[in-house]
Protein backbone atom coordinates (compact mmCIF):
# COMPACT_ATOMS: atom_id res chain seq x y z
CA MET A 1 -31.22 3.34 -21.22
CA SER A 2 -28.09 3.09 -23.35
CA PRO A 3 -24.80 4.41 -21.88
CA TRP A 4 -24.09 8.07 -22.58
CA LEU A 5 -20.46 7.77 -21.40
CA THR A 6 -17.90 5.51 -23.06
CA VAL A 7 -14.40 5.10 -21.68
CA VAL A 8 -12.06 3.98 -24.45
CA GLY A 9 -8.74 2.41 -23.63
CA ILE A 10 -6.25 3.41 -26.30
CA GLY A 11 -2.74 2.03 -26.69
CA GLU A 12 0.44 3.35 -28.25
CA ASP A 13 -0.77 1.97 -31.60
CA GLY A 14 -3.52 4.60 -31.58
CA PHE A 15 -6.83 4.58 -33.46
CA LYS A 16 -5.87 1.72 -35.76
CA GLY A 17 -5.47 -0.56 -32.74
CA LEU A 18 -9.02 0.03 -31.51
CA GLY A 19 -11.89 -2.39 -31.96
CA LYS A 20 -15.06 -1.63 -33.90
CA ASN A 21 -17.11 -0.62 -30.84
CA ALA A 22 -14.45 1.83 -29.65
CA ARG A 23 -14.16 3.43 -33.10
CA HIS A 24 -17.91 3.82 -33.41
CA ALA A 25 -18.14 5.40 -29.94
CA LEU A 26 -15.49 7.97 -30.87
CA LEU A 27 -17.13 8.73 -34.22
CA ARG A 28 -20.51 9.52 -32.65
CA ALA A 29 -19.23 11.35 -29.55
CA THR A 30 -19.96 15.07 -29.35
CA ARG A 31 -17.17 15.57 -26.80
CA ILE A 32 -13.93 13.62 -26.21
CA ILE A 33 -11.88 14.18 -23.05
CA GLY A 34 -8.37 12.94 -22.44
CA ALA A 35 -4.70 13.80 -22.06
CA GLN A 36 -2.99 15.62 -24.91
CA ARG A 37 -0.95 12.53 -25.80
CA GLN A 38 -4.12 10.46 -26.16
CA LEU A 39 -6.06 13.09 -28.12
CA ASP A 40 -3.14 13.38 -30.55
CA LEU A 41 -3.60 9.71 -31.45
CA LEU A 42 -7.02 10.41 -32.99
CA PRO A 43 -7.39 10.96 -36.75
CA VAL A 44 -9.08 14.02 -38.28
CA CYS A 45 -12.22 12.00 -39.08
CA ILE A 46 -13.12 12.17 -35.37
CA ARG A 47 -15.26 15.32 -35.29
CA GLY A 48 -16.23 15.53 -31.63
CA GLU A 49 -15.00 18.48 -29.61
CA ARG A 50 -11.70 17.61 -27.93
CA ALA A 51 -10.98 18.71 -24.37
CA LEU A 52 -8.07 18.23 -21.96
CA TRP A 53 -8.47 17.14 -18.38
CA PRO A 54 -8.42 20.17 -16.07
CA SER A 55 -5.52 20.85 -13.73
CA PRO A 56 -5.92 20.04 -10.89
CA PHE A 57 -7.59 16.87 -12.13
CA SER A 58 -11.38 16.71 -11.83
CA LEU A 59 -14.19 14.55 -13.22
CA ALA A 60 -16.50 17.57 -13.29
CA PRO A 61 -16.19 18.23 -17.07
CA VAL A 62 -17.36 14.69 -17.77
CA LEU A 63 -20.17 14.62 -15.24
CA ALA A 64 -21.45 17.99 -16.50
CA GLN A 65 -22.16 16.36 -19.89
CA ARG A 66 -24.47 13.69 -18.47
CA GLY A 67 -26.92 12.57 -21.16
CA GLU A 68 -24.73 13.62 -24.09
CA PRO A 69 -22.65 11.09 -26.07
CA VAL A 70 -19.26 11.59 -24.42
CA CYS A 71 -16.01 9.62 -24.74
CA VAL A 72 -13.15 9.56 -22.29
CA LEU A 73 -9.75 8.37 -23.49
CA ALA A 74 -7.57 6.36 -21.13
CA SER A 75 -4.27 4.54 -21.51
CA GLY A 76 -4.66 0.80 -22.10
CA ASP A 77 -7.05 -0.74 -19.60
CA PRO A 78 -9.04 2.10 -17.92
CA MET A 79 -9.79 -0.10 -14.90
CA PHE A 80 -6.11 -0.73 -14.15
CA TYR A 81 -4.92 2.29 -12.14
CA GLY A 82 -6.98 4.32 -14.60
CA VAL A 83 -9.77 6.86 -14.79
CA GLY A 84 -12.33 4.12 -15.42
CA ALA A 85 -12.32 3.16 -11.76
CA SER A 86 -12.92 6.76 -10.69
CA LEU A 87 -15.79 7.20 -13.14
CA ALA A 88 -17.37 3.88 -12.13
CA ARG A 89 -17.74 5.27 -8.60
CA GLN A 90 -19.60 8.34 -9.92
CA VAL A 91 -21.65 7.03 -12.85
CA ALA A 92 -24.30 4.29 -12.70
CA ALA A 93 -23.34 1.02 -14.41
CA ASP A 94 -26.14 1.29 -17.00
CA GLU A 95 -24.87 4.76 -18.04
CA LEU A 96 -21.26 3.72 -18.51
CA LEU A 97 -19.50 1.55 -21.11
CA ILE A 98 -15.82 0.70 -20.67
CA LEU A 99 -13.88 -0.64 -23.66
CA PRO A 100 -10.38 -1.67 -22.54
CA ALA A 101 -7.30 -2.15 -24.66
CA PRO A 102 -4.35 -4.33 -23.56
CA SER A 103 -2.64 -2.65 -20.61
CA SER A 104 1.07 -1.89 -20.62
CA VAL A 105 1.40 -4.54 -17.90
CA SER A 106 -0.17 -7.18 -20.17
CA LEU A 107 2.10 -6.20 -23.04
CA ALA A 108 5.24 -6.21 -20.88
CA ALA A 109 4.36 -9.61 -19.41
CA ALA A 110 3.95 -10.93 -22.96
CA ARG A 111 7.36 -9.55 -23.97
CA LEU A 112 9.01 -11.12 -20.93
CA GLY A 113 7.15 -14.42 -21.02
CA TRP A 114 5.96 -13.89 -17.43
CA PRO A 115 2.60 -15.47 -16.50
CA LEU A 116 0.61 -12.42 -15.41
CA GLN A 117 -1.14 -14.23 -12.56
CA GLU A 118 2.27 -14.84 -10.97
CA VAL A 119 3.38 -11.20 -11.13
CA VAL A 120 2.85 -8.43 -8.56
CA THR A 121 1.67 -5.25 -10.27
CA LEU A 122 2.24 -1.87 -8.64
CA SER A 123 2.12 1.82 -9.46
CA VAL A 124 4.39 4.64 -8.32
CA VAL A 125 2.41 7.24 -10.26
CA ALA A 126 2.07 10.01 -7.65
CA ARG A 127 2.77 7.36 -5.01
CA PRO A 128 5.83 6.91 -2.74
CA LEU A 129 8.55 4.58 -4.01
CA ALA A 130 8.95 3.18 -0.48
CA ALA A 131 5.80 1.09 -0.99
CA LEU A 132 7.89 -1.25 -3.16
CA ASN A 133 9.82 -2.39 -0.07
CA ALA A 134 6.86 -4.42 1.18
CA HIS A 135 7.00 -6.64 -1.93
CA LEU A 136 10.72 -7.34 -2.18
CA ALA A 137 11.72 -10.99 -1.85
CA SER A 138 13.91 -13.28 -3.92
CA GLY A 139 11.96 -14.88 -6.74
CA VAL A 140 9.21 -12.25 -6.76
CA ARG A 141 8.53 -10.54 -10.09
CA LEU A 142 7.20 -6.98 -10.11
CA LEU A 143 5.72 -4.85 -12.88
CA VAL A 144 5.74 -1.21 -11.83
CA LEU A 145 4.01 1.70 -13.59
CA SER A 146 6.48 4.61 -13.52
CA ASN A 147 5.69 8.17 -12.56
CA ASP A 148 8.15 9.64 -15.09
CA GLY A 149 11.47 9.11 -16.85
CA GLY A 150 13.37 9.36 -13.57
CA SER A 151 11.46 6.51 -11.92
CA PRO A 152 13.61 3.62 -13.25
CA ALA A 153 16.82 5.06 -11.80
CA SER A 154 15.07 5.82 -8.49
CA ILE A 155 13.67 2.29 -8.35
CA ALA A 156 17.10 0.80 -9.09
CA ALA A 157 18.62 2.90 -6.29
CA LEU A 158 15.92 1.75 -3.86
CA LEU A 159 16.55 -1.90 -4.81
CA ALA A 160 20.27 -1.55 -4.22
CA GLU A 161 19.75 0.24 -0.88
CA SER A 162 17.28 -2.45 0.28
CA GLY A 163 19.67 -5.32 -0.45
CA PHE A 164 18.28 -6.26 -3.86
CA GLY A 165 21.07 -4.90 -6.05
CA PRO A 166 21.43 -8.15 -8.07
CA SER A 167 17.80 -7.85 -9.25
CA ARG A 168 17.32 -7.87 -13.03
CA VAL A 169 15.56 -4.73 -14.26
CA SER A 170 13.90 -4.17 -17.63
CA VAL A 171 12.36 -0.87 -18.70
CA PHE A 172 9.78 -0.69 -21.47
CA GLU A 173 9.19 2.66 -23.20
CA HIS A 174 6.07 3.29 -25.29
CA VAL A 175 5.21 -0.41 -25.13
CA GLY A 176 2.87 -1.46 -27.95
CA GLY A 177 3.75 1.46 -30.25
CA ALA A 178 6.15 2.26 -33.04
CA ASP A 179 8.61 3.85 -30.58
CA GLU A 180 8.74 0.84 -28.23
CA ARG A 181 12.17 0.31 -26.66
CA ARG A 182 13.48 -2.07 -24.00
CA LEU A 183 16.42 -1.39 -21.66
CA ASP A 184 17.94 -4.11 -19.46
CA GLY A 185 20.42 -4.19 -16.60
CA LEU A 186 21.04 -4.94 -12.92
CA ALA A 187 19.76 -2.60 -10.22
CA ILE A 188 23.21 -2.31 -8.61
CA ASP A 189 24.83 -0.81 -11.73
CA TRP A 190 21.89 0.76 -13.53
CA GLN A 191 23.30 3.31 -15.97
CA HIS A 192 20.52 4.09 -18.44
CA ALA A 193 19.49 7.73 -18.72
CA GLY A 194 17.17 9.74 -20.95
CA ILE A 195 14.25 7.39 -20.47
CA ALA A 196 10.84 8.45 -21.79
CA ASP A 197 8.26 9.54 -19.23
CA LEU A 198 5.88 6.85 -20.48
CA ASN A 199 7.57 3.69 -19.22
CA LEU A 200 7.07 0.57 -17.16
CA VAL A 201 9.67 -1.19 -14.99
CA ALA A 202 9.91 -4.97 -14.73
CA ILE A 203 11.88 -6.36 -11.76
CA ASP A 204 12.99 -9.95 -11.23
CA CYS A 205 13.92 -9.72 -7.55
CA VAL A 206 17.20 -11.22 -6.35
CA ALA A 207 18.46 -10.49 -2.83
CA ASP A 208 22.06 -10.13 -1.70
CA PRO A 209 23.04 -13.20 0.36
CA GLN A 210 23.21 -11.14 3.56
CA THR A 211 19.85 -9.38 3.08
CA LEU A 212 17.41 -9.95 5.94
CA ARG A 213 14.41 -12.12 5.05
CA LEU A 214 11.23 -10.12 5.68
CA SER A 215 8.12 -12.29 5.60
CA ARG A 216 4.65 -10.78 5.17
CA LEU A 217 3.55 -12.88 8.16
CA ALA A 218 3.62 -11.36 11.64
CA GLY A 219 6.82 -11.55 13.64
CA LEU A 220 9.57 -9.75 11.74
CA PRO A 221 13.03 -9.93 13.35
CA ASP A 222 13.59 -7.20 15.92
CA SER A 223 16.60 -6.11 13.85
CA ALA A 224 14.23 -5.08 11.04
CA PHE A 225 13.21 -2.06 13.15
CA ARG A 226 15.12 0.94 14.41
CA HIS A 227 14.14 1.47 18.03
CA ASP A 228 15.28 2.93 21.33
CA GLY A 229 14.34 -0.18 23.32
CA GLN A 230 10.62 0.63 23.20
CA LEU A 231 9.73 -2.26 20.90
CA THR A 232 7.17 -5.05 21.14
CA LYS A 233 9.55 -7.99 20.72
CA ARG A 234 9.20 -10.50 17.93
CA ASP A 235 7.44 -13.39 19.68
CA VAL A 236 5.06 -11.17 21.64
CA ARG A 237 4.41 -9.13 18.48
CA ALA A 238 3.41 -12.25 16.57
CA MET A 239 1.01 -13.32 19.34
CA THR A 240 -0.41 -9.80 19.57
CA LEU A 241 -1.07 -9.53 15.83
CA ALA A 242 -2.67 -12.98 15.81
CA ARG A 243 -5.26 -11.62 18.25
CA LEU A 244 -5.67 -8.33 16.41
CA ALA A 245 -6.41 -10.45 13.30
CA PRO A 246 -5.96 -7.91 10.46
CA MET A 247 -8.45 -8.20 7.62
CA PRO A 248 -8.43 -6.40 4.23
CA GLY A 249 -9.48 -2.76 4.43
CA GLU A 250 -9.51 -2.54 8.22
CA LEU A 251 -8.09 0.32 10.28
CA LEU A 252 -5.86 -0.10 13.36
CA TRP A 253 -4.99 2.38 16.08
CA ASP A 254 -1.48 1.68 17.40
CA VAL A 255 -1.61 3.65 20.66
CA GLY A 256 1.72 4.46 22.29
CA ALA A 257 3.31 3.17 19.11
CA GLY A 258 6.97 3.31 20.17
CA SER A 259 8.80 2.23 17.00
CA GLY A 260 5.51 1.55 15.18
CA SER A 261 6.13 -2.19 14.83
CA ILE A 262 2.52 -3.32 15.41
CA GLY A 263 1.00 -0.81 12.99
CA ILE A 264 3.65 -1.57 10.38
CA GLU A 265 3.12 -5.34 10.53
CA TRP A 266 -0.65 -4.80 10.48
CA MET A 267 -0.32 -2.90 7.19
CA ARG A 268 2.07 -5.46 5.72
CA ALA A 269 -0.61 -8.13 6.22
CA HIS A 270 -2.63 -6.81 3.25
CA PRO A 271 -2.17 -3.84 0.88
CA SER A 272 -5.55 -2.36 1.87
CA CYS A 273 -4.95 -2.49 5.65
CA ARG A 274 -4.54 0.95 7.25
CA ALA A 275 -3.03 2.09 10.53
CA LEU A 276 -2.68 5.20 12.67
CA ALA A 277 0.37 5.31 14.96
CA ILE A 278 -0.19 7.56 17.98
CA GLU A 279 3.09 8.64 19.57
CA ALA A 280 4.03 11.71 21.62
CA ASP A 281 7.82 11.30 21.79
CA GLU A 282 9.63 13.18 18.99
CA GLY A 283 12.52 10.73 18.82
CA ARG A 284 10.20 7.78 18.45
CA GLN A 285 8.17 9.65 15.84
CA GLY A 286 11.33 9.76 13.72
CA LEU A 287 11.86 6.03 14.23
CA ILE A 288 8.30 5.32 13.08
CA GLU A 289 8.81 7.41 9.94
CA HIS A 290 12.00 5.53 9.10
CA ASN A 291 10.54 2.08 9.82
CA ARG A 292 7.35 2.59 7.85
CA ASP A 293 9.32 3.51 4.69
CA ALA A 294 12.00 0.86 5.11
CA LEU A 295 9.37 -1.84 5.55
CA GLY A 296 7.18 -0.69 2.67
CA VAL A 297 4.15 0.92 4.31
CA PRO A 298 4.64 4.68 3.80
CA GLY A 299 0.88 5.11 4.09
CA LEU A 300 0.98 4.53 7.85
CA GLN A 301 -0.28 7.79 9.34
CA LEU A 302 1.62 9.24 12.28
CA ILE A 303 -0.48 11.07 14.88
CA ARG A 304 1.82 13.29 16.94
CA GLY A 305 0.30 13.44 20.41
CA LYS A 306 -0.50 11.63 23.62
CA ALA A 307 -3.52 9.45 24.24
CA PRO A 308 -6.29 9.93 25.19
CA ALA A 309 -6.36 13.59 24.01
CA ALA A 310 -4.82 12.75 20.62
CA LEU A 311 -7.52 10.16 19.88
CA HIS A 312 -10.46 12.53 19.61
CA GLY A 313 -11.64 13.22 16.07
CA LEU A 314 -9.85 10.24 14.52
CA GLU A 315 -11.65 7.77 12.26
CA ALA A 316 -13.21 4.94 14.28
CA PRO A 317 -10.95 1.87 14.14
CA ASP A 318 -11.67 -1.81 13.57
CA ALA A 319 -8.92 -2.79 16.01
CA ILE A 320 -6.82 -1.09 18.67
CA PHE A 321 -3.48 -2.04 20.16
CA ILE A 322 -2.33 -0.28 23.33
CA GLY A 323 1.36 -0.84 23.85
CA GLY A 324 2.07 2.08 26.15
CA GLY A 325 0.13 4.31 28.52
CA VAL A 326 -2.33 1.67 29.74
CA THR A 327 -2.33 3.18 33.24
CA ARG A 328 -2.90 6.73 31.96
CA GLU A 329 -6.33 7.91 32.99
CA GLY A 330 -8.94 7.58 30.27
CA VAL A 331 -6.84 5.70 27.70
CA LEU A 332 -8.62 2.34 27.88
CA ASP A 333 -12.09 3.85 28.20
CA THR A 334 -11.56 6.31 25.34
CA CYS A 335 -10.25 3.55 23.07
CA TRP A 336 -13.22 1.32 23.96
CA GLN A 337 -15.65 4.16 23.27
CA HIS A 338 -14.25 4.78 19.77
CA LEU A 339 -13.79 1.13 18.75
CA ARG A 340 -16.31 -0.08 16.18
CA PRO A 341 -18.81 -2.74 17.33
CA GLY A 342 -17.27 -6.14 16.67
CA GLY A 343 -13.78 -4.60 16.82
CA ARG A 344 -10.82 -6.05 18.72
CA LEU A 345 -8.88 -4.38 21.52
CA VAL A 346 -5.53 -5.82 22.58
CA ALA A 347 -3.44 -4.28 25.34
CA ASN A 348 -0.08 -5.41 26.71
CA ALA A 349 1.17 -4.84 30.25
CA VAL A 350 4.62 -5.35 31.78
CA THR A 351 4.45 -3.65 35.19
CA LEU A 352 2.33 -4.73 38.14
CA GLN A 353 0.42 -1.44 37.95
CA SER A 354 -0.48 -1.84 34.28
CA GLU A 355 -1.36 -5.51 34.86
CA MET A 356 -3.74 -4.53 37.67
CA THR A 357 -5.31 -1.89 35.38
CA LEU A 358 -6.04 -4.57 32.78
CA MET A 359 -7.47 -6.94 35.38
CA ASN A 360 -9.80 -4.30 36.79
CA TRP A 361 -10.90 -3.21 33.32
CA ARG A 362 -11.57 -6.82 32.32
CA ALA A 363 -13.85 -7.21 35.35
CA ARG A 364 -16.12 -4.58 33.80
CA HIS A 365 -15.86 -5.39 30.08
CA GLY A 366 -14.80 -9.02 29.82
CA GLY A 367 -12.17 -10.45 27.52
CA GLU A 368 -9.30 -12.89 27.94
CA LEU A 369 -6.06 -12.44 29.86
CA THR A 370 -2.96 -14.31 28.71
CA ARG A 371 0.44 -14.41 30.39
CA ILE A 372 3.33 -14.71 27.98
CA HIS A 373 6.74 -15.95 29.13
CA VAL A 374 9.57 -16.01 26.59
CA ALA A 375 13.06 -17.30 27.35
CA GLN A 376 16.11 -17.51 25.12
CA ALA A 377 19.16 -19.74 25.44
CA GLN A 378 22.25 -17.72 26.29
CA ALA A 379 25.76 -18.47 27.42
CA LEU A 380 26.55 -18.99 31.11
CA GLY A 381 30.29 -19.47 31.32
CA ALA A 382 31.13 -22.63 29.37
CA PHE A 383 27.47 -23.69 29.40
CA ASP A 384 24.09 -22.35 28.27
CA THR A 385 21.04 -21.38 30.27
CA TRP A 386 17.60 -19.84 29.73
CA ARG A 387 17.39 -16.05 30.06
CA GLN A 388 13.80 -15.08 30.85
CA ALA A 389 12.45 -11.89 29.32
CA LEU A 390 9.99 -9.83 31.34
CA PRO A 391 6.61 -11.59 31.30
CA ILE A 392 3.82 -9.89 29.35
CA THR A 393 0.17 -9.82 30.33
CA LEU A 394 -2.06 -9.53 27.28
CA LEU A 395 -5.72 -8.48 27.33
CA ASP A 396 -7.79 -9.48 24.30
CA VAL A 397 -11.41 -8.35 24.09
CA VAL A 398 -14.01 -8.04 21.31
CA LYS A 399 -16.55 -5.21 21.52
CA PRO A 400 -20.12 -6.55 21.38
CA LEU A 401 -22.15 -5.90 18.23
C-alpha cells in the first residue's frame, strides 16, 4: 500500500524551498496539521484543511485520519528532535513517508564551517539546561536547539557559572529564512537581548584555566561532588563502575546513594543510561539533587526512602549498586529478586559486619569478592609516608539468565 501519511520538513524559506515530492504531497492532502508558524508558510494554492496541533500535544488528530491523504508539517528534519520520530513509533513504515528539509543544525554548521560529525547536538526544548554540563570540555563544539528567546542568555549564564565563561557563543535566529540573523559574543559577558524564540545556540567551549577537568570516564575527582563524608571515593568508584559496566539504555539502582556519585557517573557514561538513587536522609537528598545538575545528569531520579521498603514497585534494573545498608535485613535479597536476569549486582562493605554479610550471601549466590586497599602519600614531619584508607570489600555477582 502507498503511504497515507506524509511528514514534510519545511524550513524558514517556506514552500518555495520544498522539493517536488513535498509539494505534491501538500497539494493532494485533504488535511494538513502543523504549528501556526508552519501553516502560515503555505501558499493559498494548498487547498487541504489546515489544523493546529492540540494543546496539550497529542498525535490523536493524525492517527484518527488513518487511510486519508494527510500531511504533517515539521521544522527542518522531522527525525531530528521532531514529530517524525514520534509518528514513526505509532505508524507502520509502509504507511509513512518522511521528506526532510535541512535542519537548523545543518544550516548553522554550514554557516560556521563546523564539520557536523565533530559537533555535539543537543536540545533544551522543554528539557533542563543542566544537561549541558555533561558535555562541557575545552575544544568541544555544541549546537543547542533553544526553548525560547531567553535560552541563549540562560545558556551563557550556565557556561559562566560552570567555569566556561571564555566560550564563544553564536546565536542564529530564523536560520535559512529571509529574517536570518547571527549574534556573537563570549558567555562571560553576553549582552544580547530581544532574541527571537526560534533560535539555535552554537558554543565553542573554552574553560577557565582553574576549571576542574571532568572526564566522561569513571573516577571523577572527589571534589566534583558535594558530600557529607558519605562518598564512594574516586579510586573505589572507578573500580566499582568498571564492574557495573554501564551500557546504553540500561537502568541502575544506586541503593543507599549518599551523594549519588555512582548513579551520576553511570549516567555520564552514555546519554541513554538511566539511574534511580535511593536515599532516606534529607540532607543527602539535597546533595544528590545538586550533584546531578552540576554534573549534567538532571534526569537521575531520586527515590526518597529506605531500602528495602522503597524498592518495591520500581522498574526492574539492569544493574544494582549497594553502597549503604548492606546489613539491613532484606536489602540484598530484595535487590537480587528485582534484578533482571543477566544483570550485575555490586555491593561494597567497610565494616566487619557488612563484610561478613557479603561473605555469607556469596556462599548462597556466588560471585567474586575483591579486597581493595588504597593508600596516598602524605607528609610525616619532614618526610612522606603512606596513609592507608579503610579497606573496601567488593562483591560482584551476575544474576543467571
